[in-house]
Protein backbone atom coordinates (compact mmCIF):
# COMPACT_ATOMS: atom_id res chain seq x y z
CA MET A 1 -13.27 -166.46 173.66
CA GLY A 2 -16.34 -164.26 173.18
CA LYS A 3 -19.70 -164.61 171.52
CA ILE A 4 -20.04 -162.57 168.35
CA GLY A 5 -23.31 -161.00 167.26
CA ILE A 6 -23.90 -160.79 163.50
CA ILE A 7 -26.36 -158.37 161.91
CA LEU A 8 -27.54 -159.73 158.55
CA ALA A 9 -29.72 -157.17 156.74
CA THR A 10 -32.04 -158.50 154.02
CA TYR A 11 -34.42 -157.08 151.45
CA ASN A 12 -35.86 -159.28 148.68
CA PRO A 13 -32.54 -161.13 148.38
CA ASN A 14 -31.40 -163.36 145.56
CA MET A 15 -31.93 -166.63 147.41
CA GLU A 16 -28.99 -168.40 145.78
CA TYR A 17 -26.65 -165.65 146.95
CA LEU A 18 -28.23 -165.58 150.42
CA ARG A 19 -27.87 -169.34 150.86
CA LYS A 20 -24.18 -169.07 150.04
CA GLN A 21 -23.81 -166.25 152.56
CA ILE A 22 -25.63 -168.30 155.22
CA GLU A 23 -23.47 -171.34 154.48
CA SER A 24 -20.33 -169.21 154.82
CA LEU A 25 -21.49 -168.13 158.28
CA GLN A 26 -22.19 -171.70 159.29
CA GLY A 27 -18.76 -172.71 158.01
CA GLN A 28 -16.84 -170.28 160.20
CA THR A 29 -13.97 -171.68 162.25
CA TRP A 30 -15.31 -169.49 165.08
CA GLN A 31 -18.62 -171.10 165.95
CA ASP A 32 -19.64 -169.09 169.02
CA TRP A 33 -21.89 -166.59 167.28
CA MET A 34 -25.53 -165.65 166.88
CA CYS A 35 -27.15 -163.83 163.97
CA HIS A 36 -30.03 -161.36 163.85
CA VAL A 37 -31.57 -161.49 160.38
CA VAL A 38 -33.34 -158.14 160.03
CA ASP A 39 -35.67 -158.06 157.04
CA ASP A 40 -36.71 -154.71 155.57
CA ARG A 41 -40.21 -155.76 154.50
CA SER A 42 -39.34 -158.22 151.76
CA SER A 43 -42.18 -159.93 149.92
CA GLU A 44 -44.00 -162.62 151.87
CA ALA A 45 -42.54 -165.25 149.55
CA CYS A 46 -38.99 -163.99 150.20
CA GLN A 47 -39.55 -163.90 153.94
CA SER A 48 -40.76 -167.50 153.88
CA GLN A 49 -37.71 -168.59 151.89
CA ILE A 50 -35.35 -166.76 154.25
CA GLN A 51 -36.90 -168.44 157.27
CA ALA A 52 -36.73 -171.83 155.57
CA THR A 53 -33.05 -171.28 154.79
CA ILE A 54 -32.10 -170.62 158.41
CA ALA A 55 -34.51 -173.15 159.92
CA GLY A 56 -32.83 -175.72 162.13
CA ASP A 57 -29.96 -173.48 163.20
CA ARG A 58 -30.95 -171.86 166.49
CA ARG A 59 -28.18 -169.29 166.19
CA PHE A 60 -30.30 -167.42 163.65
CA HIS A 61 -33.12 -165.11 164.75
CA PHE A 62 -35.45 -163.72 162.09
CA HIS A 63 -37.03 -160.28 162.53
CA SER A 64 -39.61 -158.83 160.13
CA TYR A 65 -41.02 -155.30 160.12
CA SER A 66 -44.10 -153.58 158.74
CA GLU A 67 -42.16 -150.60 157.35
CA ASN A 68 -39.45 -150.45 154.70
CA VAL A 69 -36.76 -148.06 155.93
CA GLY A 70 -33.81 -148.73 153.62
CA SER A 71 -30.41 -150.27 154.25
CA TYR A 72 -29.10 -147.51 156.55
CA HIS A 73 -31.90 -147.72 159.10
CA ASN A 74 -32.32 -151.47 158.68
CA PHE A 75 -28.79 -151.99 160.02
CA GLU A 76 -29.73 -149.59 162.80
CA ARG A 77 -32.62 -151.91 163.70
CA GLY A 78 -30.24 -154.82 163.86
CA LEU A 79 -27.79 -153.03 166.13
CA GLU A 80 -30.63 -152.03 168.46
CA LEU A 81 -31.32 -155.73 168.97
CA CYS A 82 -27.81 -156.11 170.40
CA VAL A 83 -28.19 -153.38 173.02
CA GLY A 84 -28.05 -154.84 176.51
CA ASP A 85 -27.06 -158.34 175.36
CA GLN A 86 -24.33 -159.08 177.89
CA ARG A 87 -23.28 -162.24 176.04
CA LEU A 88 -21.83 -160.31 173.11
CA GLU A 89 -18.19 -159.30 173.04
CA ALA A 90 -18.11 -158.23 169.39
CA ILE A 91 -20.57 -157.31 166.64
CA ALA A 92 -20.19 -157.82 162.88
CA CYS A 93 -22.28 -156.51 159.97
CA CYS A 94 -23.21 -158.83 157.12
CA ASP A 95 -24.68 -158.27 153.65
CA GLN A 96 -27.11 -160.66 151.98
CA ASP A 97 -25.10 -161.56 148.89
CA ASP A 98 -21.43 -162.00 149.82
CA ILE A 99 -19.36 -164.96 150.98
CA TRP A 100 -17.26 -164.89 154.13
CA LEU A 101 -14.00 -166.79 154.18
CA PRO A 102 -13.98 -169.49 156.89
CA ASP A 103 -11.56 -167.72 159.24
CA LYS A 104 -13.10 -164.23 159.02
CA LEU A 105 -14.60 -164.11 162.50
CA GLU A 106 -11.65 -165.84 164.14
CA ARG A 107 -9.01 -163.60 162.59
CA GLN A 108 -10.95 -160.45 163.34
CA TRP A 109 -11.60 -161.47 166.92
CA HIS A 110 -7.91 -162.12 167.50
CA ALA A 111 -7.07 -158.75 165.91
CA LEU A 112 -9.45 -156.98 168.29
CA GLU A 113 -7.88 -158.76 171.24
CA SER A 114 -4.20 -158.62 170.30
CA GLN A 115 -4.28 -154.97 169.21
CA SER A 116 -6.71 -153.73 171.88
CA ALA A 117 -8.76 -152.32 169.02
CA LEU A 118 -12.25 -150.88 169.13
CA LEU A 119 -12.98 -151.86 165.53
CA VAL A 120 -11.33 -154.07 162.92
CA HIS A 121 -11.91 -154.45 159.20
CA SER A 122 -10.28 -156.25 156.28
CA ASP A 123 -9.69 -156.21 152.56
CA LEU A 124 -12.18 -157.83 150.17
CA GLU A 125 -11.97 -160.05 147.11
CA LEU A 126 -14.29 -158.92 144.31
CA ILE A 127 -16.37 -161.67 142.68
CA ASP A 128 -19.06 -161.80 140.00
CA ALA A 129 -22.48 -163.46 139.89
CA GLN A 130 -20.85 -166.85 139.22
CA ASP A 131 -18.45 -166.54 142.19
CA ASP A 132 -15.49 -166.02 139.86
CA THR A 133 -12.81 -163.57 140.99
CA CYS A 134 -12.97 -160.18 139.27
CA TYR A 135 -10.14 -158.66 141.29
CA PRO A 136 -8.25 -160.21 144.22
CA SER A 137 -8.09 -157.03 146.31
CA ALA A 138 -10.65 -154.22 146.62
CA TRP A 139 -8.04 -152.11 148.40
CA GLU A 140 -5.77 -152.30 145.36
CA PHE A 141 -8.64 -151.91 142.90
CA GLU A 142 -9.88 -148.71 144.55
CA GLN A 143 -6.40 -147.58 145.65
CA ARG A 144 -7.44 -147.64 149.30
CA SER A 145 -4.86 -147.14 152.03
CA PRO A 146 -7.02 -147.37 155.16
CA GLN A 147 -4.03 -148.09 157.38
CA ASN A 148 -3.11 -144.40 156.93
CA LEU A 149 -6.47 -143.04 158.01
CA THR A 150 -7.09 -140.33 160.58
CA PRO A 151 -10.56 -139.13 161.65
CA GLN A 152 -10.27 -136.24 159.19
CA LEU A 153 -9.15 -138.40 156.28
CA LEU A 154 -11.92 -140.87 157.08
CA LEU A 155 -14.44 -138.04 156.94
CA LEU A 156 -13.05 -137.09 153.55
CA ARG A 157 -13.45 -140.63 152.24
CA ASN A 158 -14.73 -143.84 153.80
CA THR A 159 -12.27 -146.67 153.21
CA LEU A 160 -13.97 -149.21 155.49
CA THR A 161 -16.58 -151.59 154.07
CA GLY A 162 -19.41 -152.59 156.40
CA CYS A 163 -19.41 -156.32 155.62
CA THR A 164 -15.76 -156.55 156.72
CA MET A 165 -16.22 -154.68 160.00
CA MET A 166 -16.29 -156.07 163.54
CA PHE A 167 -16.44 -153.85 166.60
CA ARG A 168 -16.87 -153.83 170.35
CA PRO A 169 -20.42 -153.49 171.77
CA GLN A 170 -19.33 -150.40 173.72
CA LEU A 171 -19.69 -148.48 170.45
CA LEU A 172 -23.45 -149.05 170.43
CA SER A 173 -24.20 -146.33 172.96
CA LEU A 174 -22.38 -143.82 170.75
CA VAL A 175 -23.58 -144.80 167.28
CA LEU A 176 -27.24 -145.33 168.23
CA PRO A 177 -29.57 -143.90 167.25
CA PHE A 178 -28.27 -143.25 163.75
CA PRO A 179 -28.40 -139.54 162.85
CA PHE A 180 -30.99 -138.28 160.42
CA ARG A 181 -29.43 -137.76 157.00
CA LYS A 182 -30.64 -134.27 156.17
CA GLY A 183 -29.65 -133.03 152.74
CA GLY A 184 -26.91 -135.63 152.32
CA ASN A 185 -26.38 -139.34 152.15
CA TRP A 186 -24.05 -141.77 153.90
CA TYR A 187 -24.12 -145.41 154.94
CA HIS A 188 -23.99 -147.19 158.27
CA ASP A 189 -20.36 -148.27 157.92
CA TRP A 190 -19.09 -144.71 157.42
CA TRP A 191 -20.97 -143.49 160.48
CA ILE A 192 -19.76 -146.35 162.71
CA ALA A 193 -16.17 -146.06 161.49
CA LEU A 194 -16.07 -142.30 162.10
CA ILE A 195 -17.27 -142.63 165.68
CA ALA A 196 -14.79 -145.46 166.29
CA SER A 197 -11.91 -143.41 164.86
CA HIS A 198 -12.52 -140.73 167.50
CA GLN A 199 -12.90 -143.20 170.37
CA GLY A 200 -10.21 -145.84 169.94
CA LYS A 201 -7.98 -147.85 167.65
CA ILE A 202 -9.06 -149.21 164.28
CA ALA A 203 -7.20 -152.37 163.27
CA HIS A 204 -6.61 -153.23 159.61
CA ILE A 205 -6.26 -156.72 158.12
CA PRO A 206 -4.83 -156.38 154.59
CA THR A 207 -5.90 -159.93 153.69
CA PRO A 208 -9.32 -160.32 151.99
CA LEU A 209 -11.71 -162.04 154.41
CA VAL A 210 -14.90 -161.41 152.41
CA ARG A 211 -15.74 -162.32 148.83
CA TYR A 212 -17.68 -159.20 147.84
CA ARG A 213 -20.17 -159.82 145.07
CA ILE A 214 -20.53 -157.30 142.23
CA HIS A 215 -23.89 -157.45 140.45
CA ASP A 216 -26.61 -155.21 139.01
CA THR A 217 -28.55 -154.73 142.26
CA ASN A 218 -25.71 -153.77 144.62
CA THR A 219 -26.74 -150.99 147.01
CA VAL A 220 -23.10 -149.91 147.16
CA GLY A 221 -20.43 -150.90 144.67
CA VAL A 222 -16.73 -150.36 144.10
CA VAL A 223 -15.06 -147.99 141.65
CA GLU A 224 -11.61 -148.49 140.19
CA ASN A 225 -9.13 -145.91 141.56
CA ALA A 226 -11.96 -144.35 143.61
CA GLY A 227 -11.14 -140.98 145.11
CA THR A 228 -8.20 -140.22 142.86
CA LEU A 229 -8.06 -137.02 140.82
CA SER A 230 -8.46 -138.74 137.45
CA GLN A 231 -11.44 -140.79 138.62
CA GLU A 232 -13.17 -137.78 140.15
CA VAL A 233 -12.79 -135.79 136.93
CA MET A 234 -14.32 -138.65 134.94
CA THR A 235 -17.15 -139.06 137.44
CA GLY A 236 -17.83 -135.34 137.46
CA LEU A 237 -18.14 -135.30 133.68
CA GLN A 238 -20.47 -138.30 133.69
CA LYS A 239 -22.72 -137.36 136.62
CA ALA A 240 -24.27 -133.91 136.68
CA GLU A 241 -25.33 -134.27 140.32
CA LYS A 242 -21.70 -133.96 141.31
CA LEU A 243 -21.86 -130.35 140.15
CA ARG A 244 -24.78 -129.54 142.43
CA GLY A 245 -22.76 -129.88 145.59
CA ARG A 246 -24.36 -132.97 147.12
CA SER A 247 -21.01 -134.34 148.19
CA TYR A 248 -20.13 -131.12 150.02
CA ILE A 249 -23.50 -131.17 151.81
CA THR A 250 -22.98 -134.80 152.80
CA HIS A 251 -19.53 -134.10 154.22
CA CYS A 252 -20.74 -131.06 156.16
CA ASN A 253 -23.80 -132.79 157.58
CA LEU A 254 -21.87 -135.90 158.52
CA ASN A 255 -19.27 -133.71 160.19
CA HIS A 256 -21.99 -131.98 162.21
CA ALA A 257 -23.53 -135.34 163.15
CA VAL A 258 -20.20 -136.63 164.50
CA CYS A 259 -19.49 -133.42 166.41
CA ASP A 260 -22.98 -133.38 167.90
CA ARG A 261 -22.84 -137.02 168.94
CA LEU A 262 -19.44 -136.64 170.60
CA ASN A 263 -20.27 -133.20 172.05
CA LEU A 264 -17.65 -131.48 169.92
CA ASN A 265 -18.02 -127.95 168.58
CA PRO A 266 -17.49 -128.08 164.80
CA GLN A 267 -15.78 -124.68 164.82
CA GLU A 268 -13.53 -125.45 167.76
CA VAL A 269 -12.20 -128.83 166.67
CA GLU A 270 -8.56 -128.32 165.78
CA ASN A 271 -8.03 -127.94 162.02
CA ASN A 272 -11.56 -129.09 161.23
CA PRO A 273 -11.78 -128.58 157.46
CA PHE A 274 -15.54 -129.19 157.24
CA GLY A 275 -16.80 -126.44 159.53
CA ASP A 276 -19.17 -124.71 157.12
CA ARG A 277 -19.73 -121.46 159.03
CA LEU A 278 -16.25 -120.07 158.48
CA LEU A 279 -15.54 -118.04 155.35
CA ASN A 280 -12.30 -119.81 154.36
CA PHE A 281 -13.03 -120.62 150.69
CA GLY A 282 -12.29 -124.31 151.28
CA LEU A 283 -8.56 -123.92 151.88
CA PRO A 284 -8.57 -126.35 154.86
CA ILE A 285 -10.22 -128.94 152.60
CA LEU A 286 -7.54 -128.40 149.97
CA GLN A 287 -4.88 -128.83 152.66
CA LEU A 288 -6.56 -132.07 153.73
CA GLY A 289 -6.36 -133.29 150.15
CA TRP A 290 -2.64 -132.51 150.18
CA ARG A 291 -2.23 -134.56 153.37
CA SER A 292 -4.21 -137.36 151.74
CA TRP A 293 -1.78 -137.38 148.83
CA GLN A 294 1.25 -137.30 151.14
CA ALA A 295 -0.10 -140.17 153.23
CA GLY A 296 -1.02 -142.27 150.21
CA TYR A 297 -4.67 -142.24 151.31
CA GLY A 298 -5.80 -141.70 147.72
CA SER A 299 -8.58 -139.14 148.25
CA GLN A 300 -7.16 -135.98 146.75
CA GLY A 301 -9.74 -136.06 143.96
CA ILE A 302 -12.60 -136.05 146.46
CA ALA A 303 -10.92 -133.21 148.34
CA LEU A 304 -10.69 -131.15 145.16
CA ARG A 305 -14.35 -131.72 144.36
CA VAL A 306 -15.50 -130.76 147.86
CA PHE A 307 -13.11 -127.77 147.85
CA VAL A 308 -14.67 -126.44 144.64
CA HIS A 309 -18.17 -126.58 146.13
CA LYS A 310 -17.06 -124.95 149.40
CA CYS A 311 -15.20 -122.22 147.50
CA ARG A 312 -18.24 -121.48 145.33
CA LYS A 313 -20.45 -121.34 148.41
CA ASP A 314 -18.13 -118.91 150.19
CA VAL A 315 -17.77 -116.68 147.13
CA LYS A 316 -21.55 -116.44 146.96
CA ARG A 317 -21.71 -115.63 150.68
CA LEU A 318 -19.07 -112.93 150.26
CA LEU A 319 -20.90 -111.35 147.33
CA ASP A 320 -24.15 -111.40 149.30
CA LEU A 321 -22.42 -109.63 152.19
CA LEU A 322 -20.95 -106.98 149.89
CA HIS A 323 -24.34 -106.28 148.35
CA LYS A 324 -26.03 -105.72 151.70
């Protein structure tokens, strides 16, 4: 029976939503936990309200900072607070506007133990601003099949949501410090999940253990049938930035970050489809999309998009070489 550390990241939260999130932590069947509330320079009024909300419960520890760094690095701050804390046997990430089901921590702890897993995550129920259910399963809504993931498929598409994740503290030395996101964008959960996928087992709980709130100010949302070919075509038509290759840059840079952190050579990793130095016109990425379809992972649309950008890049490189 281990103590669980919770990282709750806040920034000018809706106080009604935050109170419900706090109450759902306090209502957990697993009571041996402590929570670092890391605030990313909210207004003074918000900070005072946050502290008033957690006052009286000594399991909460409030941390304020003079610099606003964004969600990605704010979670990094929280994880740094857990380094060296020998009491902790698991760490969970928490958003400021969701609701945890009462047995979330207990079920995830038992999954870590019974499956000898390094990280565990679960499905989510999607709710609206009034706590009404929009969709009972995010995995079904987005056509996620995370139980079929491999490190390569996970790099193609993240199917783990941070607020459902719990992991062993031994991951901290590998995920910290978070890599600088140069020319691309990813979130803390994708980075943590990728490192975990290379280092040990990821356990999957197909039951929703978090009520994930959908509202206008979500940092990250959900998209119906995300990653599928039809959805990617629609998204590409609606968002011009998709045509500028940002996704390809993100995948390449994240791939390099993982390889660097784990001392892997991007060009020597077996069948690495995201090594950007090879002139292969994206065929390994297309093959990965085929494997995604075969495994039911549901990311063939993303693979096609990234393949197109890689192919265009390599054609340009080839033409440049021919003109020299």
